[in-house]
Amino acid sequence: MPSWASVGFQNAHSPLMEQLIFFHDHSMTMIILIISIISYSLISLTTLMTPNKMMIESQQLELFWTISPSLILILIGMPSIKLLYMLDEVYSPNLTLKTTGHQWYWSYEYSDFKQTEFDSYMINSSPSTNMRLLDVDNKIIIPMNSQIRNLITAADVLHSWTIPSLGIKADAVPGRLNQVNFSCNAPGMYFGQCSEICGTNHSFMPIAMEVIPMNFFTKWMKTSLDN
C-alpha cells in the first residue's frame, strides 16, 4: 500500500512483483560491486606514490577485463530474459476484466457476467481508507489467488493502467486491446493511477482494487447481478 514519503518499492503482493523486486536487488548488487571495484582501482592508482611505470603489458589483466564484463552481462541478462518471458506468459484465466480509459475516469466490465459494468471516478479521501487522490466511488473487486485477464483499451487518448504493488503497467490505446495477466496472493486494497499523461486531469484518475477470498467474491457478484 502506498505510504507518505516512501522512496522504495511497495510491498509485493503478486508473484510477478516479487520477481521484479528480486531482479532489481540482483542488478543493484552487481552495479554496486562494479562501482566499488572501479572506485577502489582509481583511488589506488591516483594515490600510489610509486606506480609501476615499466609495466607495458599484462596478459593476466587483459584476460581479466575481457572475461569479467562478459560474466557480468550473463549474470544480469539471464534473470532479465527469464523475467521478460514471465511478463508475456499467458495463463488460463479464471476471470476476465475489460478496462476502458476515458478523460478522466475508468470504465470496467466483467466479461464473464451479463450487465456487470460500471464507471470509476475519483472521490475525496474517505474515512475508511484515508487515501487522498487515490480512492474511487466504484472499486474493482477480484478474487484472491485467481488468474485475472485484463483487456485494456481507451476511448479517447492514450492512458496507462498501473498498480505498482502487483507489478502491473499496461498502455490503454484507442482502437487496440492490450492484455495483461496477473494474480494477487493477499486480500486487501490496492491503489494505482493512470501513468500516461492524458490531459488536464491526468492526475485525478486513480485505480482502486479490492481483493477478497473467492467465496466473498461469489456472494458479491451474485448480489450485483440480482440488483
C-alpha atoms as a PDB file:
ATOM      1  CA  MET A   1       0.000   0.000   0.000  1.00  0.00           C
ATOM      2  CA  PRO A   2       1.369   3.495  -0.777  1.00  0.00           C
ATOM      3  CA  SER A   3       2.662   5.465   2.181  1.00  0.00           C
ATOM      4  CA  TRP A   4       3.790   9.038   2.746  1.00  0.00           C
ATOM      5  CA  ALA A   5       7.412   9.938   1.820  1.00  0.00           C
ATOM      6  CA  SER A   6       8.122   6.425   0.532  1.00  0.00           C
ATOM      7  CA  VAL A   7      11.154   6.147  -1.778  1.00  0.00           C
ATOM      8  CA  GLY A   8      11.272   2.381  -2.322  1.00  0.00           C
ATOM      9  CA  PHE A   9       9.011  -0.235  -3.827  1.00  0.00           C
ATOM     10  CA  GLN A  10       5.638  -1.018  -2.366  1.00  0.00           C
ATOM     11  CA  ASN A  11       5.279  -4.438  -0.766  1.00  0.00           C
ATOM     12  CA  ALA A  12       4.901  -7.137  -3.400  1.00  0.00           C
ATOM     13  CA  HIS A  13       1.524  -8.883  -3.441  1.00  0.00           C
ATOM     14  CA  SER A  14       1.842 -10.885  -6.639  1.00  0.00           C
ATOM     15  CA  PRO A  15       4.386 -13.441  -7.897  1.00  0.00           C
ATOM     16  CA  LEU A  16       5.320 -11.115 -10.762  1.00  0.00           C
ATOM     17  CA  MET A  17       6.120  -8.181  -8.473  1.00  0.00           C
ATOM     18  CA  GLU A  18       8.197 -10.453  -6.241  1.00  0.00           C
ATOM     19  CA  GLN A  19      10.311 -11.411  -9.267  1.00  0.00           C
ATOM     20  CA  LEU A  20      10.652  -7.759 -10.334  1.00  0.00           C
ATOM     21  CA  ILE A  21      11.935  -6.756  -6.880  1.00  0.00           C
ATOM     22  CA  PHE A  22      14.324  -9.726  -6.852  1.00  0.00           C
ATOM     23  CA  PHE A  23      15.720  -8.708 -10.246  1.00  0.00           C
ATOM     24  CA  HIS A  24      16.105  -5.098  -9.059  1.00  0.00           C
ATOM     25  CA  ASP A  25      18.030  -6.218  -5.959  1.00  0.00           C
ATOM     26  CA  HIS A  26      20.169  -8.590  -8.017  1.00  0.00           C
ATOM     27  CA  SER A  27      21.033  -5.886 -10.584  1.00  0.00           C
ATOM     28  CA  MET A  28      21.749  -3.264  -7.915  1.00  0.00           C
ATOM     29  CA  THR A  29      24.112  -5.677  -6.151  1.00  0.00           C
ATOM     30  CA  MET A  30      26.067  -6.163  -9.368  1.00  0.00           C
ATOM     31  CA  ILE A  31      26.156  -2.428 -10.107  1.00  0.00           C
ATOM     32  CA  ILE A  32      27.339  -1.532  -6.578  1.00  0.00           C
ATOM     33  CA  LEU A  33      30.042  -4.202  -6.814  1.00  0.00           C
ATOM     34  CA  ILE A  34      31.272  -2.810 -10.156  1.00  0.00           C
ATOM     35  CA  ILE A  35      31.290   0.785  -8.888  1.00  0.00           C
ATOM     36  CA  SER A  36      33.161  -0.260  -5.735  1.00  0.00           C
ATOM     37  CA  ILE A  37      35.884  -2.117  -7.666  1.00  0.00           C
ATOM     38  CA  ILE A  38      36.361   0.716 -10.176  1.00  0.00           C
ATOM     39  CA  SER A  39      36.397   3.381  -7.437  1.00  0.00           C
ATOM     40  CA  TYR A  40      38.944   1.414  -5.429  1.00  0.00           C
ATOM     41  CA  SER A  41      41.135   0.963  -8.520  1.00  0.00           C
ATOM     42  CA  LEU A  42      41.013   4.674  -9.409  1.00  0.00           C
ATOM     43  CA  ILE A  43      41.784   5.810  -5.869  1.00  0.00           C
ATOM     44  CA  SER A  44      44.602   3.303  -5.525  1.00  0.00           C
ATOM     45  CA  LEU A  45      46.230   4.296  -8.829  1.00  0.00           C
ATOM     46  CA  THR A  46      45.940   8.044  -8.244  1.00  0.00           C
ATOM     47  CA  THR A  47      47.237   7.969  -4.651  1.00  0.00           C
ATOM     48  CA  LEU A  48      50.035   5.464  -5.196  1.00  0.00           C
ATOM     49  CA  MET A  49      53.339   7.327  -4.940  1.00  0.00           C
ATOM     50  CA  THR A  50      55.450   4.815  -6.841  1.00  0.00           C
ATOM     51  CA  PRO A  51      53.376   3.388  -9.709  1.00  0.00           C
ATOM     52  CA  ASN A  52      54.936   0.724 -11.865  1.00  0.00           C
ATOM     53  CA  LYS A  53      55.715   2.814 -14.944  1.00  0.00           C
ATOM     54  CA  MET A  54      57.691  -0.008 -16.532  1.00  0.00           C
ATOM     55  CA  MET A  55      54.709  -2.314 -16.911  1.00  0.00           C
ATOM     56  CA  ILE A  56      53.862  -2.195 -20.616  1.00  0.00           C
ATOM     57  CA  GLU A  57      51.522  -5.188 -20.840  1.00  0.00           C
ATOM     58  CA  SER A  58      49.942  -7.872 -18.713  1.00  0.00           C
ATOM     59  CA  GLN A  59      48.246 -10.914 -20.178  1.00  0.00           C
ATOM     60  CA  GLN A  60      46.518 -11.658 -16.872  1.00  0.00           C
ATOM     61  CA  LEU A  61      44.967  -8.180 -16.643  1.00  0.00           C
ATOM     62  CA  GLU A  62      43.834  -8.239 -20.269  1.00  0.00           C
ATOM     63  CA  LEU A  63      42.243 -11.636 -19.715  1.00  0.00           C
ATOM     64  CA  PHE A  64      40.501 -10.356 -16.573  1.00  0.00           C
ATOM     65  CA  TRP A  65      38.974  -7.210 -18.105  1.00  0.00           C
ATOM     66  CA  THR A  66      37.881  -9.190 -21.174  1.00  0.00           C
ATOM     67  CA  ILE A  67      36.169 -12.076 -19.361  1.00  0.00           C
ATOM     68  CA  SER A  68      34.719 -10.230 -16.346  1.00  0.00           C
ATOM     69  CA  PRO A  69      32.359  -7.916 -18.345  1.00  0.00           C
ATOM     70  CA  SER A  70      31.035 -10.935 -20.231  1.00  0.00           C
ATOM     71  CA  LEU A  71      30.333 -12.781 -16.974  1.00  0.00           C
ATOM     72  CA  ILE A  72      28.623  -9.711 -15.501  1.00  0.00           C
ATOM     73  CA  LEU A  73      26.397  -9.336 -18.571  1.00  0.00           C
ATOM     74  CA  ILE A  74      25.450 -13.029 -18.360  1.00  0.00           C
ATOM     75  CA  LEU A  75      24.631 -12.737 -14.639  1.00  0.00           C
ATOM     76  CA  ILE A  76      22.359  -9.762 -15.337  1.00  0.00           C
ATOM     77  CA  GLY A  77      20.986 -10.933 -18.685  1.00  0.00           C
ATOM     78  CA  MET A  78      19.803 -14.424 -17.716  1.00  0.00           C
ATOM     79  CA  PRO A  79      17.373 -13.282 -14.961  1.00  0.00           C
ATOM     80  CA  SER A  80      16.255 -10.428 -17.238  1.00  0.00           C
ATOM     81  CA  ILE A  81      15.336 -12.809 -20.078  1.00  0.00           C
ATOM     82  CA  LYS A  82      13.510 -15.116 -17.661  1.00  0.00           C
ATOM     83  CA  LEU A  83      11.509 -12.175 -16.291  1.00  0.00           C
ATOM     84  CA  LEU A  84      10.740 -10.932 -19.802  1.00  0.00           C
ATOM     85  CA  TYR A  85       9.162 -14.273 -20.688  1.00  0.00           C
ATOM     86  CA  MET A  86       7.227 -14.274 -17.409  1.00  0.00           C
ATOM     87  CA  LEU A  87       5.724 -10.877 -18.273  1.00  0.00           C
ATOM     88  CA  ASP A  88       4.359 -12.215 -21.565  1.00  0.00           C
ATOM     89  CA  GLU A  89       3.254 -15.599 -20.264  1.00  0.00           C
ATOM     90  CA  VAL A  90      -0.487 -16.176 -20.613  1.00  0.00           C
ATOM     91  CA  TYR A  91      -2.309 -18.496 -18.240  1.00  0.00           C
ATOM     92  CA  SER A  92      -5.851 -19.804 -18.500  1.00  0.00           C
ATOM     93  CA  PRO A  93      -7.816 -17.024 -16.743  1.00  0.00           C
ATOM     94  CA  ASN A  94     -10.403 -17.607 -14.025  1.00  0.00           C
ATOM     95  CA  LEU A  95     -11.890 -14.169 -14.631  1.00  0.00           C
ATOM     96  CA  THR A  96     -11.787 -11.649 -17.473  1.00  0.00           C
ATOM     97  CA  LEU A  97     -11.978  -7.930 -16.820  1.00  0.00           C
ATOM     98  CA  LYS A  98     -12.270  -5.300 -19.533  1.00  0.00           C
ATOM     99  CA  THR A  99     -10.907  -1.828 -18.713  1.00  0.00           C
ATOM    100  CA  THR A 100     -11.537   1.310 -20.779  1.00  0.00           C
ATOM    101  CA  GLY A 101      -9.767   4.588 -20.119  1.00  0.00           C
ATOM    102  CA  HIS A 102     -11.592   7.901 -20.570  1.00  0.00           C
ATOM    103  CA  GLN A 103     -10.765  11.521 -19.879  1.00  0.00           C
ATOM    104  CA  TRP A 104     -10.640  11.284 -16.876  1.00  0.00           C
ATOM    105  CA  TYR A 105     -12.090   8.128 -15.386  1.00  0.00           C
ATOM    106  CA  TRP A 106     -12.066   4.361 -15.879  1.00  0.00           C
ATOM    107  CA  SER A 107     -14.826   2.020 -17.029  1.00  0.00           C
ATOM    108  CA  TYR A 108     -14.849  -1.655 -16.062  1.00  0.00           C
ATOM    109  CA  GLU A 109     -16.764  -4.634 -17.370  1.00  0.00           C
ATOM    110  CA  TYR A 110     -16.753  -8.215 -16.100  1.00  0.00           C
ATOM    111  CA  SER A 111     -16.896 -10.029 -19.424  1.00  0.00           C
ATOM    112  CA  ASP A 112     -17.857 -13.382 -17.876  1.00  0.00           C
ATOM    113  CA  PHE A 113     -21.098 -11.970 -16.468  1.00  0.00           C
ATOM    114  CA  LYS A 114     -24.007 -10.132 -18.064  1.00  0.00           C
ATOM    115  CA  GLN A 115     -24.683  -6.473 -17.305  1.00  0.00           C
ATOM    116  CA  THR A 116     -21.813  -6.111 -14.858  1.00  0.00           C
ATOM    117  CA  GLU A 117     -20.133  -2.861 -15.792  1.00  0.00           C
ATOM    118  CA  PHE A 118     -19.573   0.465 -14.069  1.00  0.00           C
ATOM    119  CA  ASP A 119     -17.596   3.705 -14.187  1.00  0.00           C
ATOM    120  CA  SER A 120     -14.981   4.589 -11.588  1.00  0.00           C
ATOM    121  CA  TYR A 121     -14.401   8.238 -10.611  1.00  0.00           C
ATOM    122  CA  MET A 122     -12.065   9.729  -8.051  1.00  0.00           C
ATOM    123  CA  ILE A 123     -13.626  10.917  -4.769  1.00  0.00           C
ATOM    124  CA  ASN A 124     -12.373  12.811  -1.752  1.00  0.00           C
ATOM    125  CA  SER A 125     -10.453  10.721   0.766  1.00  0.00           C
ATOM    126  CA  SER A 126     -12.888   8.565   2.710  1.00  0.00           C
ATOM    127  CA  PRO A 127     -12.541   7.813   6.450  1.00  0.00           C
ATOM    128  CA  SER A 128     -12.253   4.078   5.709  1.00  0.00           C
ATOM    129  CA  THR A 129      -9.114   4.325   3.549  1.00  0.00           C
ATOM    130  CA  ASN A 130      -7.852   7.904   4.026  1.00  0.00           C
ATOM    131  CA  MET A 131      -6.196   7.749   0.610  1.00  0.00           C
ATOM    132  CA  ARG A 132      -6.052  11.246  -0.834  1.00  0.00           C
ATOM    133  CA  LEU A 133      -6.336  11.336  -4.652  1.00  0.00           C
ATOM    134  CA  LEU A 134      -6.418   7.530  -4.757  1.00  0.00           C
ATOM    135  CA  ASP A 135      -9.899   6.491  -3.638  1.00  0.00           C
ATOM    136  CA  VAL A 136     -12.791   5.985  -6.062  1.00  0.00           C
ATOM    137  CA  ASP A 137     -16.554   5.613  -5.874  1.00  0.00           C
ATOM    138  CA  ASN A 138     -16.690   2.161  -7.522  1.00  0.00           C
ATOM    139  CA  LYS A 139     -13.796  -0.184  -6.834  1.00  0.00           C
ATOM    140  CA  ILE A 140     -12.774  -3.243  -8.814  1.00  0.00           C
ATOM    141  CA  ILE A 141     -13.488  -6.445  -6.890  1.00  0.00           C
ATOM    142  CA  ILE A 142     -11.450  -9.532  -7.771  1.00  0.00           C
ATOM    143  CA  PRO A 143     -10.924 -12.918  -6.079  1.00  0.00           C
ATOM    144  CA  MET A 144      -7.665 -13.762  -4.342  1.00  0.00           C
ATOM    145  CA  ASN A 145      -5.265 -16.379  -5.752  1.00  0.00           C
ATOM    146  CA  SER A 146      -7.024 -16.409  -9.128  1.00  0.00           C
ATOM    147  CA  GLN A 147      -5.649 -15.744 -12.586  1.00  0.00           C
ATOM    148  CA  ILE A 148      -7.154 -12.495 -13.874  1.00  0.00           C
ATOM    149  CA  ARG A 149      -7.030 -11.423 -17.511  1.00  0.00           C
ATOM    150  CA  ASN A 150      -7.424  -7.689 -18.005  1.00  0.00           C
ATOM    151  CA  LEU A 151      -8.227  -6.428 -21.506  1.00  0.00           C
ATOM    152  CA  ILE A 152      -7.292  -2.767 -21.665  1.00  0.00           C
ATOM    153  CA  THR A 153      -8.232  -0.105 -24.207  1.00  0.00           C
ATOM    154  CA  ALA A 154      -9.062   3.602 -24.350  1.00  0.00           C
ATOM    155  CA  ALA A 155     -11.992   5.587 -25.720  1.00  0.00           C
ATOM    156  CA  ASP A 156     -10.225   8.864 -26.470  1.00  0.00           C
ATOM    157  CA  VAL A 157      -6.485   9.326 -25.842  1.00  0.00           C
ATOM    158  CA  LEU A 158      -3.584   7.245 -24.518  1.00  0.00           C
ATOM    159  CA  HIS A 159      -3.847   6.096 -20.903  1.00  0.00           C
ATOM    160  CA  SER A 160      -1.903   3.597 -18.804  1.00  0.00           C
ATOM    161  CA  TRP A 161      -3.427   1.234 -16.230  1.00  0.00           C
ATOM    162  CA  THR A 162      -0.960   0.745 -13.387  1.00  0.00           C
ATOM    163  CA  ILE A 163      -0.966  -0.908  -9.957  1.00  0.00           C
ATOM    164  CA  PRO A 164       2.624  -0.872  -8.595  1.00  0.00           C
ATOM    165  CA  SER A 165       2.225  -3.399  -5.759  1.00  0.00           C
ATOM    166  CA  LEU A 166       1.048  -6.039  -8.261  1.00  0.00           C
ATOM    167  CA  GLY A 167       3.681  -5.237 -10.884  1.00  0.00           C
ATOM    168  CA  ILE A 168       1.091  -4.213 -13.488  1.00  0.00           C
ATOM    169  CA  LYS A 169       1.514  -1.476 -16.087  1.00  0.00           C
ATOM    170  CA  ALA A 170      -0.277  -1.671 -19.436  1.00  0.00           C
ATOM    171  CA  ASP A 171      -0.981   1.029 -22.017  1.00  0.00           C
ATOM    172  CA  ALA A 172      -4.577   1.796 -22.955  1.00  0.00           C
ATOM    173  CA  VAL A 173      -4.568   2.652 -26.663  1.00  0.00           C
ATOM    174  CA  PRO A 174      -7.671   3.766 -28.617  1.00  0.00           C
ATOM    175  CA  GLY A 175      -8.715   1.130 -31.145  1.00  0.00           C
ATOM    176  CA  ARG A 176      -6.493  -1.556 -29.672  1.00  0.00           C
ATOM    177  CA  LEU A 177      -6.878  -4.193 -26.951  1.00  0.00           C
ATOM    178  CA  ASN A 178      -3.852  -4.827 -24.749  1.00  0.00           C
ATOM    179  CA  GLN A 179      -3.823  -7.805 -22.423  1.00  0.00           C
ATOM    180  CA  VAL A 180      -2.225  -8.286 -19.026  1.00  0.00           C
ATOM    181  CA  ASN A 181      -2.496 -11.338 -16.767  1.00  0.00           C
ATOM    182  CA  PHE A 182      -1.999 -11.144 -13.025  1.00  0.00           C
ATOM    183  CA  SER A 183      -2.927 -12.697  -9.701  1.00  0.00           C
ATOM    184  CA  CYS A 184      -2.905 -11.384  -6.158  1.00  0.00           C
ATOM    185  CA  ASN A 185      -1.874 -13.559  -3.215  1.00  0.00           C
ATOM    186  CA  ALA A 186      -3.150 -11.404  -0.341  1.00  0.00           C
ATOM    187  CA  PRO A 187      -6.511  -9.769   0.391  1.00  0.00           C
ATOM    188  CA  GLY A 188      -6.681  -6.009   0.772  1.00  0.00           C
ATOM    189  CA  MET A 189      -6.944  -2.694  -1.029  1.00  0.00           C
ATOM    190  CA  TYR A 190      -4.548  -1.874  -3.859  1.00  0.00           C
ATOM    191  CA  PHE A 191      -4.196   1.521  -5.496  1.00  0.00           C
ATOM    192  CA  GLY A 192      -2.741   2.846  -8.719  1.00  0.00           C
ATOM    193  CA  GLN A 193      -3.017   5.754 -11.118  1.00  0.00           C
ATOM    194  CA  CYS A 194      -3.003   6.498 -14.804  1.00  0.00           C
ATOM    195  CA  SER A 195       0.670   6.562 -15.800  1.00  0.00           C
ATOM    196  CA  GLU A 196       0.373   8.215 -19.201  1.00  0.00           C
ATOM    197  CA  ILE A 197      -0.106  11.981 -19.490  1.00  0.00           C
ATOM    198  CA  CYS A 198      -3.625  12.209 -20.903  1.00  0.00           C
ATOM    199  CA  GLY A 199      -4.743  15.786 -20.419  1.00  0.00           C
ATOM    200  CA  THR A 200      -5.653  18.360 -17.801  1.00  0.00           C
ATOM    201  CA  ASN A 201      -6.977  15.973 -15.146  1.00  0.00           C
ATOM    202  CA  HIS A 202      -4.438  13.223 -15.716  1.00  0.00           C
ATOM    203  CA  SER A 203      -3.529  13.283 -12.004  1.00  0.00           C
ATOM    204  CA  PHE A 204      -7.124  12.672 -10.969  1.00  0.00           C
ATOM    205  CA  MET A 205      -7.995   9.276 -12.451  1.00  0.00           C
ATOM    206  CA  PRO A 206      -6.882   6.753  -9.807  1.00  0.00           C
ATOM    207  CA  ILE A 207      -7.349   2.994  -9.750  1.00  0.00           C
ATOM    208  CA  ALA A 208      -8.657   1.162  -6.685  1.00  0.00           C
ATOM    209  CA  MET A 209      -8.863  -2.620  -6.467  1.00  0.00           C
ATOM    210  CA  GLU A 210     -10.192  -4.715  -3.605  1.00  0.00           C
ATOM    211  CA  VAL A 211      -9.032  -8.323  -3.395  1.00  0.00           C
ATOM    212  CA  ILE A 212     -11.229 -10.716  -1.429  1.00  0.00           C
ATOM    213  CA  PRO A 213     -11.494 -14.507  -0.968  1.00  0.00           C
ATOM    214  CA  MET A 214     -13.352 -16.413  -3.658  1.00  0.00           C
ATOM    215  CA  ASN A 215     -16.420 -17.187  -1.526  1.00  0.00           C
ATOM    216  CA  PHE A 216     -16.926 -13.484  -0.735  1.00  0.00           C
ATOM    217  CA  PHE A 217     -16.413 -12.614  -4.405  1.00  0.00           C
ATOM    218  CA  THR A 218     -19.094 -15.114  -5.411  1.00  0.00           C
ATOM    219  CA  LYS A 219     -21.540 -13.558  -2.936  1.00  0.00           C
ATOM    220  CA  TRP A 220     -20.693 -10.036  -4.134  1.00  0.00           C
ATOM    221  CA  MET A 221     -21.165 -10.975  -7.780  1.00  0.00           C
ATOM    222  CA  LYS A 222     -24.480 -12.700  -7.045  1.00  0.00           C
ATOM    223  CA  THR A 223     -25.710  -9.585  -5.218  1.00  0.00           C
ATOM    224  CA  SER A 224     -24.576  -7.355  -8.095  1.00  0.00           C
ATOM    225  CA  LEU A 225     -26.390  -9.499 -10.657  1.00  0.00           C
ATOM    226  CA  ASP A 226     -29.575  -9.540  -8.564  1.00  0.00           C
ATOM    227  CA  ASN A 227     -29.546  -5.747  -8.320  1.00  0.00           C
END
